[in-house]
Amino acid sequence: MLDKLKCTQCGATAFDELPGNQVRCQYCQTTYVRRNEPASSTGARVVIGKGAHVVFGANAKVVIKGKLEIEDGADVQINGSLELVEPGDPVLIQQARDRVSRGD
């Protein structure tokens, strides 16, 4: 069980480990890829390639931390919630975390 993670779909903190550095929420079965290293300063990047057919269902609550690129020829339908989060400067993020932990 991985207690440091929190499911962005249901809020649970109980996960099962899967092959390929993946984890699955024990409650809603949402699957995530675990990252061992922080995203680069340019941010993570999600690419939906040409010919892909992607549907975010009506109950979807998708959060992409980094950049999203949808190539020409990709069919993407967004019926639910899609939130794009562009990370700030890593140094400023760490400074903010330090202030929060100190209670400033």
N, C-alpha and C. Protein backbone atom coordinates (compact mmCIF):
# COMPACT_ATOMS: atom_id res chain seq x y z
N MET A 1 0.84 -1.18 0.00
CA MET A 1 0.00 0.00 0.00
C MET A 1 0.89 1.24 0.00
N LEU A 2 0.47 2.24 -0.79
CA LEU A 2 1.24 3.46 -0.91
C LEU A 2 0.45 4.59 -0.28
N ASP A 3 0.88 5.07 0.90
CA ASP A 3 0.09 6.06 1.60
C ASP A 3 0.47 7.49 1.28
N LYS A 4 1.47 7.71 0.45
CA LYS A 4 1.88 9.07 0.11
C LYS A 4 1.05 9.63 -1.04
N LEU A 5 0.35 8.79 -1.76
CA LEU A 5 -0.44 9.21 -2.91
C LEU A 5 -1.88 9.44 -2.51
N LYS A 6 -2.56 10.29 -3.28
CA LYS A 6 -3.98 10.53 -3.09
C LYS A 6 -4.62 10.48 -4.46
N CYS A 7 -5.64 9.68 -4.61
CA CYS A 7 -6.32 9.53 -5.89
C CYS A 7 -7.01 10.84 -6.27
N THR A 8 -6.74 11.33 -7.46
CA THR A 8 -7.37 12.57 -7.92
C THR A 8 -8.82 12.35 -8.31
N GLN A 9 -9.24 11.11 -8.44
CA GLN A 9 -10.62 10.83 -8.82
C GLN A 9 -11.54 10.71 -7.61
N CYS A 10 -11.12 9.95 -6.58
CA CYS A 10 -12.02 9.68 -5.45
C CYS A 10 -11.46 10.13 -4.10
N GLY A 11 -10.18 10.51 -4.05
CA GLY A 11 -9.58 10.98 -2.81
C GLY A 11 -9.00 9.90 -1.92
N ALA A 12 -9.10 8.64 -2.32
CA ALA A 12 -8.57 7.53 -1.51
C ALA A 12 -7.05 7.59 -1.47
N THR A 13 -6.48 6.94 -0.45
CA THR A 13 -5.02 6.89 -0.32
C THR A 13 -4.50 5.46 -0.31
N ALA A 14 -5.32 4.50 -0.69
CA ALA A 14 -4.91 3.10 -0.71
C ALA A 14 -4.71 2.65 -2.17
N PHE A 15 -3.50 2.18 -2.48
CA PHE A 15 -3.15 1.80 -3.84
C PHE A 15 -2.50 0.43 -3.87
N ASP A 16 -2.67 -0.28 -4.98
CA ASP A 16 -1.98 -1.53 -5.25
C ASP A 16 -0.89 -1.25 -6.27
N GLU A 17 0.27 -1.88 -6.08
CA GLU A 17 1.37 -1.72 -7.04
C GLU A 17 1.11 -2.64 -8.23
N LEU A 18 1.41 -2.14 -9.43
CA LEU A 18 1.28 -2.88 -10.68
C LEU A 18 2.63 -2.88 -11.39
N PRO A 19 2.80 -3.77 -12.36
CA PRO A 19 4.05 -3.75 -13.13
C PRO A 19 4.20 -2.44 -13.90
N GLY A 20 5.41 -2.12 -14.27
CA GLY A 20 5.66 -0.94 -15.08
C GLY A 20 5.58 0.36 -14.32
N ASN A 21 5.90 0.32 -13.02
CA ASN A 21 5.92 1.51 -12.19
C ASN A 21 4.54 2.18 -12.11
N GLN A 22 3.49 1.35 -12.10
CA GLN A 22 2.13 1.86 -12.03
C GLN A 22 1.50 1.48 -10.70
N VAL A 23 0.49 2.25 -10.30
CA VAL A 23 -0.30 1.94 -9.13
C VAL A 23 -1.77 2.09 -9.49
N ARG A 24 -2.64 1.34 -8.78
CA ARG A 24 -4.08 1.40 -9.03
C ARG A 24 -4.79 1.65 -7.71
N CYS A 25 -5.71 2.63 -7.74
CA CYS A 25 -6.51 2.95 -6.57
C CYS A 25 -7.35 1.74 -6.20
N GLN A 26 -7.34 1.37 -4.93
CA GLN A 26 -8.11 0.20 -4.47
C GLN A 26 -9.61 0.46 -4.46
N TYR A 27 -10.01 1.72 -4.52
CA TYR A 27 -11.43 2.04 -4.44
C TYR A 27 -12.08 2.22 -5.80
N CYS A 28 -11.50 3.08 -6.66
CA CYS A 28 -12.15 3.37 -7.95
C CYS A 28 -11.42 2.76 -9.14
N GLN A 29 -10.30 2.08 -8.89
CA GLN A 29 -9.51 1.38 -9.90
C GLN A 29 -8.81 2.30 -10.90
N THR A 30 -8.69 3.60 -10.60
CA THR A 30 -7.94 4.50 -11.46
C THR A 30 -6.46 4.11 -11.40
N THR A 31 -5.80 4.07 -12.56
CA THR A 31 -4.41 3.66 -12.65
C THR A 31 -3.52 4.87 -12.93
N TYR A 32 -2.40 4.94 -12.23
CA TYR A 32 -1.44 6.04 -12.37
C TYR A 32 -0.06 5.46 -12.65
N VAL A 33 0.77 6.23 -13.34
CA VAL A 33 2.19 5.89 -13.50
C VAL A 33 2.93 6.68 -12.44
N ARG A 34 3.68 5.96 -11.62
CA ARG A 34 4.47 6.60 -10.57
C ARG A 34 5.73 7.19 -11.15
N ARG A 35 6.04 8.41 -10.73
CA ARG A 35 7.29 9.06 -11.15
C ARG A 35 8.23 9.07 -9.97
N ASN A 36 9.46 8.62 -10.18
CA ASN A 36 10.46 8.63 -9.12
C ASN A 36 11.21 9.95 -9.05
N GLU A 37 11.19 10.69 -10.16
CA GLU A 37 11.91 11.95 -10.19
C GLU A 37 10.93 13.07 -10.44
N PRO A 38 11.24 14.28 -9.97
CA PRO A 38 10.34 15.40 -10.22
C PRO A 38 10.31 15.74 -11.70
N ALA A 39 9.23 16.37 -12.14
CA ALA A 39 9.13 16.80 -13.53
C ALA A 39 10.24 17.81 -13.82
N SER A 40 10.68 17.85 -15.05
CA SER A 40 11.72 18.80 -15.41
C SER A 40 11.18 20.22 -15.29
N SER A 41 12.07 21.18 -15.38
CA SER A 41 11.64 22.56 -15.22
C SER A 41 10.69 22.99 -16.32
N THR A 42 10.68 22.28 -17.44
CA THR A 42 9.75 22.61 -18.51
C THR A 42 8.40 21.94 -18.28
N GLY A 43 8.30 21.09 -17.29
CA GLY A 43 7.05 20.42 -16.97
C GLY A 43 6.89 19.12 -17.74
N ALA A 44 6.05 18.27 -17.22
CA ALA A 44 5.74 17.02 -17.91
C ALA A 44 4.98 17.34 -19.18
N ARG A 45 4.89 16.39 -20.08
CA ARG A 45 4.21 16.64 -21.35
C ARG A 45 3.38 15.42 -21.72
N VAL A 46 2.12 15.68 -22.05
CA VAL A 46 1.21 14.63 -22.52
C VAL A 46 0.96 14.90 -24.00
N VAL A 47 1.15 13.89 -24.83
CA VAL A 47 0.91 14.02 -26.26
C VAL A 47 -0.16 13.02 -26.67
N ILE A 48 -1.21 13.53 -27.30
CA ILE A 48 -2.24 12.67 -27.89
C ILE A 48 -1.94 12.67 -29.39
N GLY A 49 -1.51 11.51 -29.88
CA GLY A 49 -0.98 11.41 -31.23
C GLY A 49 -2.02 11.34 -32.32
N LYS A 50 -1.56 11.61 -33.53
CA LYS A 50 -2.39 11.54 -34.74
C LYS A 50 -3.06 10.16 -34.83
N GLY A 51 -4.35 10.16 -35.08
CA GLY A 51 -5.10 8.91 -35.21
C GLY A 51 -5.66 8.39 -33.90
N ALA A 52 -5.29 8.99 -32.78
CA ALA A 52 -5.80 8.55 -31.48
C ALA A 52 -7.26 8.97 -31.33
N HIS A 53 -8.02 8.14 -30.64
CA HIS A 53 -9.41 8.47 -30.31
C HIS A 53 -9.51 8.44 -28.79
N VAL A 54 -9.65 9.62 -28.17
CA VAL A 54 -9.66 9.75 -26.72
C VAL A 54 -10.96 10.40 -26.29
N VAL A 55 -11.65 9.76 -25.34
CA VAL A 55 -12.90 10.31 -24.81
C VAL A 55 -12.75 10.45 -23.30
N PHE A 56 -12.91 11.67 -22.79
CA PHE A 56 -12.99 11.91 -21.37
C PHE A 56 -14.47 11.88 -21.03
N GLY A 57 -14.93 10.84 -20.34
CA GLY A 57 -16.34 10.63 -20.06
C GLY A 57 -16.94 11.73 -19.20
N ALA A 58 -18.27 11.71 -19.09
CA ALA A 58 -19.01 12.74 -18.37
C ALA A 58 -18.59 12.83 -16.90
N ASN A 59 -18.14 11.74 -16.30
CA ASN A 59 -17.73 11.74 -14.89
C ASN A 59 -16.22 11.88 -14.72
N ALA A 60 -15.50 12.10 -15.81
CA ALA A 60 -14.04 12.20 -15.74
C ALA A 60 -13.61 13.46 -15.02
N LYS A 61 -12.58 13.31 -14.20
CA LYS A 61 -11.94 14.44 -13.52
C LYS A 61 -10.45 14.30 -13.78
N VAL A 62 -10.00 14.73 -14.96
CA VAL A 62 -8.62 14.54 -15.39
C VAL A 62 -7.80 15.78 -15.07
N VAL A 63 -6.65 15.57 -14.45
CA VAL A 63 -5.71 16.65 -14.15
C VAL A 63 -4.40 16.31 -14.84
N ILE A 64 -3.93 17.21 -15.70
CA ILE A 64 -2.64 17.04 -16.36
C ILE A 64 -1.72 18.12 -15.82
N LYS A 65 -0.66 17.69 -15.17
CA LYS A 65 0.31 18.62 -14.61
C LYS A 65 1.45 18.75 -15.60
N GLY A 66 1.41 19.77 -16.39
CA GLY A 66 2.40 19.99 -17.43
C GLY A 66 1.72 20.40 -18.71
N LYS A 67 2.29 20.03 -19.81
CA LYS A 67 1.80 20.47 -21.10
C LYS A 67 0.97 19.38 -21.78
N LEU A 68 -0.03 19.80 -22.53
CA LEU A 68 -0.85 18.89 -23.32
C LEU A 68 -0.72 19.29 -24.78
N GLU A 69 -0.39 18.32 -25.61
CA GLU A 69 -0.31 18.56 -27.05
C GLU A 69 -1.23 17.57 -27.73
N ILE A 70 -2.13 18.09 -28.56
CA ILE A 70 -3.03 17.25 -29.35
C ILE A 70 -2.63 17.42 -30.81
N GLU A 71 -2.11 16.35 -31.40
CA GLU A 71 -1.63 16.42 -32.78
C GLU A 71 -2.80 16.45 -33.75
N ASP A 72 -2.57 17.06 -34.92
CA ASP A 72 -3.58 17.06 -35.98
C ASP A 72 -3.96 15.63 -36.31
N GLY A 73 -5.24 15.39 -36.50
CA GLY A 73 -5.71 14.05 -36.81
C GLY A 73 -6.11 13.23 -35.61
N ALA A 74 -5.96 13.78 -34.40
CA ALA A 74 -6.40 13.09 -33.18
C ALA A 74 -7.85 13.49 -32.92
N ASP A 75 -8.65 12.52 -32.50
CA ASP A 75 -10.05 12.76 -32.17
C ASP A 75 -10.18 12.76 -30.65
N VAL A 76 -10.42 13.94 -30.07
CA VAL A 76 -10.49 14.09 -28.62
C VAL A 76 -11.84 14.69 -28.25
N GLN A 77 -12.56 14.00 -27.36
CA GLN A 77 -13.84 14.47 -26.86
C GLN A 77 -13.72 14.67 -25.36
N ILE A 78 -14.09 15.86 -24.89
CA ILE A 78 -14.03 16.15 -23.46
C ILE A 78 -15.45 16.38 -22.96
N ASN A 79 -16.00 15.39 -22.28
CA ASN A 79 -17.35 15.48 -21.75
C ASN A 79 -17.35 15.77 -20.26
N GLY A 80 -16.24 15.50 -19.60
CA GLY A 80 -16.12 15.70 -18.16
C GLY A 80 -15.22 16.88 -17.87
N SER A 81 -14.43 16.75 -16.83
CA SER A 81 -13.57 17.82 -16.36
C SER A 81 -12.12 17.54 -16.77
N LEU A 82 -11.49 18.52 -17.40
CA LEU A 82 -10.08 18.42 -17.76
C LEU A 82 -9.40 19.67 -17.23
N GLU A 83 -8.44 19.49 -16.32
CA GLU A 83 -7.72 20.61 -15.72
C GLU A 83 -6.26 20.52 -16.13
N LEU A 84 -5.76 21.59 -16.72
CA LEU A 84 -4.36 21.66 -17.10
C LEU A 84 -3.64 22.52 -16.08
N VAL A 85 -2.60 21.95 -15.47
CA VAL A 85 -1.84 22.66 -14.45
C VAL A 85 -0.42 22.81 -14.95
N GLU A 86 -0.03 24.04 -15.20
CA GLU A 86 1.33 24.31 -15.63
C GLU A 86 2.17 24.59 -14.39
N PRO A 87 3.14 23.75 -14.08
CA PRO A 87 3.91 23.95 -12.86
C PRO A 87 4.73 25.22 -12.92
N GLY A 88 4.90 25.85 -11.76
CA GLY A 88 5.71 27.05 -11.65
C GLY A 88 7.19 26.69 -11.55
N ASP A 89 7.98 27.69 -11.25
CA ASP A 89 9.41 27.52 -11.11
C ASP A 89 9.71 26.57 -9.94
N PRO A 90 10.52 25.52 -10.16
CA PRO A 90 10.78 24.54 -9.10
C PRO A 90 11.38 25.15 -7.83
N VAL A 91 12.22 26.17 -7.97
CA VAL A 91 12.81 26.81 -6.80
C VAL A 91 11.73 27.53 -5.99
N LEU A 92 10.83 28.25 -6.67
CA LEU A 92 9.75 28.94 -5.98
C LEU A 92 8.79 27.96 -5.32
N ILE A 93 8.55 26.83 -5.98
CA ILE A 93 7.68 25.80 -5.41
C ILE A 93 8.27 25.29 -4.10
N GLN A 94 9.57 25.00 -4.10
CA GLN A 94 10.21 24.49 -2.89
C GLN A 94 10.19 25.54 -1.79
N GLN A 95 10.42 26.80 -2.14
CA GLN A 95 10.37 27.87 -1.15
C GLN A 95 8.97 27.97 -0.53
N ALA A 96 7.95 27.85 -1.37
CA ALA A 96 6.56 27.90 -0.87
C ALA A 96 6.28 26.72 0.04
N ARG A 97 6.74 25.54 -0.33
CA ARG A 97 6.54 24.36 0.54
C ARG A 97 7.22 24.56 1.89
N ASP A 98 8.43 25.12 1.87
CA ASP A 98 9.15 25.37 3.12
C ASP A 98 8.38 26.35 4.00
N ARG A 99 7.85 27.43 3.40
CA ARG A 99 7.06 28.41 4.17
C ARG A 99 5.81 27.77 4.75
N VAL A 100 5.12 26.95 3.96
CA VAL A 100 3.91 26.29 4.44
C VAL A 100 4.23 25.36 5.60
N SER A 101 5.32 24.60 5.49
CA SER A 101 5.66 23.66 6.56
C SER A 101 6.07 24.39 7.85
N ARG A 102 6.62 25.60 7.72
CA ARG A 102 6.97 26.40 8.89
C ARG A 102 5.77 27.17 9.44
N GLY A 103 4.71 27.28 8.65
CA GLY A 103 3.52 28.02 9.08
C GLY A 103 3.63 29.51 8.87
N ASP A 104 4.51 29.94 7.95
CA ASP A 104 4.67 31.38 7.66
C ASP A 104 3.43 31.95 6.99
